[in-house]
C-alpha atoms as a PDB file:
ATOM      1  CA  MET A   1     -13.508  20.849 -50.626  1.00  0.00           C
ATOM      2  CA  PRO A   2     -14.648  24.165 -49.269  1.00  0.00           C
ATOM      3  CA  LYS A   3     -13.232  25.230 -45.921  1.00  0.00           C
ATOM      4  CA  GLU A   4     -15.836  25.709 -43.261  1.00  0.00           C
ATOM      5  CA  ALA A   5     -15.641  28.970 -41.455  1.00  0.00           C
ATOM      6  CA  VAL A   6     -15.131  28.956 -37.707  1.00  0.00           C
ATOM      7  CA  PRO A   7     -17.995  30.730 -35.982  1.00  0.00           C
ATOM      8  CA  PRO A   8     -16.730  34.116 -34.769  1.00  0.00           C
ATOM      9  CA  ASP A   9     -17.825  33.668 -31.138  1.00  0.00           C
ATOM     10  CA  LEU A  10     -16.352  30.146 -30.727  1.00  0.00           C
ATOM     11  CA  LEU A  11     -12.922  31.271 -29.526  1.00  0.00           C
ATOM     12  CA  ALA A  12     -13.965  34.556 -28.000  1.00  0.00           C
ATOM     13  CA  PRO A  13     -13.174  35.002 -24.278  1.00  0.00           C
ATOM     14  CA  ARG A  14     -16.099  34.437 -21.972  1.00  0.00           C
ATOM     15  CA  THR A  15     -16.701  35.538 -18.433  1.00  0.00           C
ATOM     16  CA  LEU A  16     -16.952  32.793 -15.836  1.00  0.00           C
ATOM     17  CA  PRO A  17     -19.723  32.655 -13.277  1.00  0.00           C
ATOM     18  CA  ALA A  18     -18.896  34.257  -9.941  1.00  0.00           C
ATOM     19  CA  GLY A  19     -17.675  31.866  -7.251  1.00  0.00           C
ATOM     20  CA  LEU A  20     -16.574  29.147  -9.685  1.00  0.00           C
ATOM     21  CA  PHE A  21     -13.065  28.907  -8.242  1.00  0.00           C
ATOM     22  CA  THR A  22     -13.748  29.778  -4.614  1.00  0.00           C
ATOM     23  CA  GLN A  23     -13.272  27.128  -1.980  1.00  0.00           C
ATOM     24  CA  GLU A  24     -15.811  26.449   0.715  1.00  0.00           C
ATOM     25  CA  VAL A  25     -14.415  26.448   4.225  1.00  0.00           C
ATOM     26  CA  SER A  26     -15.693  23.738   6.527  1.00  0.00           C
ATOM     27  CA  THR A  27     -17.012  24.924   9.862  1.00  0.00           C
ATOM     28  CA  SER A  28     -16.688  21.459  11.411  1.00  0.00           C
ATOM     29  CA  SER A  29     -13.835  21.082  13.879  1.00  0.00           C
ATOM     30  CA  ARG A  30     -13.998  17.282  14.034  1.00  0.00           C
ATOM     31  CA  ALA A  31     -10.916  15.674  12.471  1.00  0.00           C
ATOM     32  CA  ILE A  32     -11.564  12.571  10.421  1.00  0.00           C
ATOM     33  CA  VAL A  33      -7.940  11.590   9.761  1.00  0.00           C
ATOM     34  CA  ARG A  34      -5.006  12.404  11.978  1.00  0.00           C
ATOM     35  CA  GLY A  35      -1.609  13.012  10.405  1.00  0.00           C
ATOM     36  CA  ARG A  36       1.933  12.122  11.485  1.00  0.00           C
ATOM     37  CA  PHE A  37       1.673   8.585  10.095  1.00  0.00           C
ATOM     38  CA  ALA A  38       5.433   7.954  10.009  1.00  0.00           C
ATOM     39  CA  THR A  39       5.814   9.115  13.618  1.00  0.00           C
ATOM     40  CA  ARG A  40       2.916   6.962  14.813  1.00  0.00           C
ATOM     41  CA  ALA A  41       4.178   3.945  12.850  1.00  0.00           C
ATOM     42  CA  ALA A  42       7.568   4.197  14.574  1.00  0.00           C
ATOM     43  CA  GLU A  43       5.967   4.129  18.029  1.00  0.00           C
ATOM     44  CA  PRO A  44       5.544   0.766  19.769  1.00  0.00           C
ATOM     45  CA  LEU A  45       2.161  -0.882  19.582  1.00  0.00           C
ATOM     46  CA  PRO A  46      -0.124  -0.020  22.522  1.00  0.00           C
ATOM     47  CA  ALA A  47      -0.804  -2.502  25.320  1.00  0.00           C
ATOM     48  CA  ALA A  48      -2.906  -5.566  24.612  1.00  0.00           C
ATOM     49  CA  SER A  49      -6.504  -4.956  23.606  1.00  0.00           C
ATOM     50  CA  THR A  50      -9.541  -6.525  25.166  1.00  0.00           C
ATOM     51  CA  THR A  51     -10.116  -9.292  22.615  1.00  0.00           C
ATOM     52  CA  ARG A  52      -7.791 -11.404  20.531  1.00  0.00           C
ATOM     53  CA  MET A  53      -9.578 -10.420  17.303  1.00  0.00           C
ATOM     54  CA  GLN A  54      -9.303  -6.733  18.112  1.00  0.00           C
ATOM     55  CA  ARG A  55      -5.605  -7.187  18.891  1.00  0.00           C
ATOM     56  CA  GLU A  56      -5.074  -8.894  15.536  1.00  0.00           C
ATOM     57  CA  ARG A  57      -6.844  -6.035  13.728  1.00  0.00           C
ATOM     58  CA  GLU A  58      -4.574  -3.552  15.486  1.00  0.00           C
ATOM     59  CA  LEU A  59      -1.503  -5.574  14.515  1.00  0.00           C
ATOM     60  CA  VAL A  60      -2.583  -5.713  10.872  1.00  0.00           C
ATOM     61  CA  ALA A  61      -3.262  -1.960  10.820  1.00  0.00           C
ATOM     62  CA  TRP A  62       0.065  -1.221  12.524  1.00  0.00           C
ATOM     63  CA  THR A  63       1.911  -3.517  10.109  1.00  0.00           C
ATOM     64  CA  SER A  64       0.326  -1.816   7.107  1.00  0.00           C
ATOM     65  CA  LEU A  65       1.687   1.532   8.304  1.00  0.00           C
ATOM     66  CA  ARG A  66       5.208   0.157   8.595  1.00  0.00           C
ATOM     67  CA  LEU A  67       5.455  -1.642   5.242  1.00  0.00           C
ATOM     68  CA  THR A  68       7.511  -0.073   2.488  1.00  0.00           C
ATOM     69  CA  ARG A  69       6.280   0.040  -1.081  1.00  0.00           C
ATOM     70  CA  THR A  70       8.736  -2.745  -1.967  1.00  0.00           C
ATOM     71  CA  GLN A  71       7.410  -4.958   0.827  1.00  0.00           C
ATOM     72  CA  GLN A  72       3.828  -4.333  -0.310  1.00  0.00           C
ATOM     73  CA  GLU A  73       4.819  -5.318  -3.850  1.00  0.00           C
ATOM     74  CA  ILE A  74       6.495  -8.475  -2.513  1.00  0.00           C
ATOM     75  CA  LEU A  75       3.284  -9.483  -0.720  1.00  0.00           C
ATOM     76  CA  MET A  76       1.212  -8.834  -3.836  1.00  0.00           C
ATOM     77  CA  GLN A  77       3.546 -10.930  -5.989  1.00  0.00           C
ATOM     78  CA  VAL A  78       3.621 -13.813  -3.503  1.00  0.00           C
ATOM     79  CA  TYR A  79      -0.190 -13.648  -3.364  1.00  0.00           C
ATOM     80  CA  ALA A  80      -0.402 -13.743  -7.166  1.00  0.00           C
ATOM     81  CA  HIS A  81       2.322 -16.398  -7.533  1.00  0.00           C
ATOM     82  CA  PRO A  82       2.475 -18.652  -4.454  1.00  0.00           C
ATOM     83  CA  LEU A  83       5.438 -20.959  -3.898  1.00  0.00           C
ATOM     84  CA  LEU A  84       7.991 -18.781  -5.659  1.00  0.00           C
ATOM     85  CA  ALA A  85      11.619 -19.261  -4.752  1.00  0.00           C
ATOM     86  CA  PRO A  86      13.333 -16.109  -3.460  1.00  0.00           C
ATOM     87  CA  HIS A  87      15.582 -15.907  -6.539  1.00  0.00           C
ATOM     88  CA  GLU A  88      12.510 -16.214  -8.810  1.00  0.00           C
ATOM     89  CA  LEU A  89      10.756 -13.429  -6.898  1.00  0.00           C
ATOM     90  CA  ALA A  90      13.886 -11.275  -7.180  1.00  0.00           C
ATOM     91  CA  ALA A  91      13.893 -11.779 -10.949  1.00  0.00           C
ATOM     92  CA  LEU A  92      10.174 -10.994 -11.146  1.00  0.00           C
ATOM     93  CA  LEU A  93      10.676  -7.745  -9.182  1.00  0.00           C
ATOM     94  CA  ASP A  94      13.921  -6.914 -11.014  1.00  0.00           C
ATOM     95  CA  MET A  95      16.016  -6.660  -7.847  1.00  0.00           C
ATOM     96  CA  GLN A  96      19.127  -8.258  -6.390  1.00  0.00           C
ATOM     97  CA  THR A  97      18.608 -11.395  -4.301  1.00  0.00           C
ATOM     98  CA  GLY A  98      20.415  -9.819  -1.318  1.00  0.00           C
ATOM     99  CA  THR A  99      18.166  -6.767  -1.445  1.00  0.00           C
ATOM    100  CA  LEU A 100      15.110  -9.014  -1.578  1.00  0.00           C
ATOM    101  CA  ARG A 101      16.273 -11.056   1.415  1.00  0.00           C
ATOM    102  CA  ARG A 102      16.640  -7.857   3.486  1.00  0.00           C
ATOM    103  CA  ALA A 103      13.087  -6.860   2.544  1.00  0.00           C
ATOM    104  CA  LEU A 104      11.768 -10.353   3.359  1.00  0.00           C
ATOM    105  CA  SER A 105      13.134 -10.435   6.911  1.00  0.00           C
ATOM    106  CA  PRO A 106      10.619  -7.999   8.506  1.00  0.00           C
ATOM    107  CA  LEU A 107       7.772  -9.648   6.585  1.00  0.00           C
ATOM    108  CA  ARG A 108       8.682 -13.003   8.092  1.00  0.00           C
ATOM    109  CA  GLN A 109       9.065 -11.538  11.585  1.00  0.00           C
ATOM    110  CA  CYS A 110       5.598  -9.985  11.586  1.00  0.00           C
ATOM    111  CA  GLY A 111       3.928 -13.132  10.229  1.00  0.00           C
ATOM    112  CA  CYS A 112       3.046 -11.784   6.787  1.00  0.00           C
ATOM    113  CA  LEU A 113       5.285 -14.206   4.928  1.00  0.00           C
ATOM    114  CA  GLN A 114       6.300 -17.800   5.576  1.00  0.00           C
ATOM    115  CA  THR A 115       8.910 -20.084   4.085  1.00  0.00           C
ATOM    116  CA  CYS A 116       8.109 -23.627   2.999  1.00  0.00           C
ATOM    117  CA  THR A 117      10.836 -26.166   2.395  1.00  0.00           C
ATOM    118  CA  THR A 118      10.056 -28.344  -0.613  1.00  0.00           C
ATOM    119  CA  GLU A 119      12.004 -30.831  -2.721  1.00  0.00           C
ATOM    120  CA  MET A 120      12.815 -27.910  -5.008  1.00  0.00           C
ATOM    121  CA  GLY A 121      14.166 -25.785  -2.147  1.00  0.00           C
ATOM    122  CA  GLU A 122      12.886 -22.819  -0.160  1.00  0.00           C
ATOM    123  CA  ARG A 123       9.536 -21.398  -1.329  1.00  0.00           C
ATOM    124  CA  LEU A 124       7.525 -18.359  -0.169  1.00  0.00           C
ATOM    125  CA  VAL A 125       3.855 -18.286   0.818  1.00  0.00           C
ATOM    126  CA  LEU A 126       1.713 -15.685   2.539  1.00  0.00           C
ATOM    127  CA  GLY A 127       1.157 -16.076   6.253  1.00  0.00           C
ATOM    128  CA  ALA A 128      -2.211 -15.563   7.913  1.00  0.00           C
ATOM    129  CA  ARG A 129      -1.459 -11.923   8.740  1.00  0.00           C
ATOM    130  CA  GLY A 130      -0.274 -11.298   5.179  1.00  0.00           C
ATOM    131  CA  MET A 131      -3.598 -12.602   3.857  1.00  0.00           C
ATOM    132  CA  ARG A 132      -5.524 -10.321   6.223  1.00  0.00           C
ATOM    133  CA  LEU A 133      -3.334  -7.395   5.220  1.00  0.00           C
ATOM    134  CA  LEU A 134      -4.110  -7.790   1.533  1.00  0.00           C
END
């Protein structure tokens, strides 16, 4: 088989168009997203809102800021596999049962996760706020 020759200008350096890597600066002073999320998440929730639905939206938003990655993964797994026992969830997430129980406590307190007692023992299901959060 004959070797095909590489065209001579294929690998030759080329000049790039002017302004290709310059960044446009926005002249708008309006901020779309404010920072300091961790600081704001640590602050207490503001006083009650005007409507119950608006208050619930604020609680869901506030809860989403406070959840750790592990707690988010717990909610996703309980959503995907309802009625798991805590030890089954720990095995699924590859974590110690004690570590899982510490992560479950705040989720129960904020209404994202509920415990059902069945003939087979304690089982986990998403609460109403957990469903809204996902």
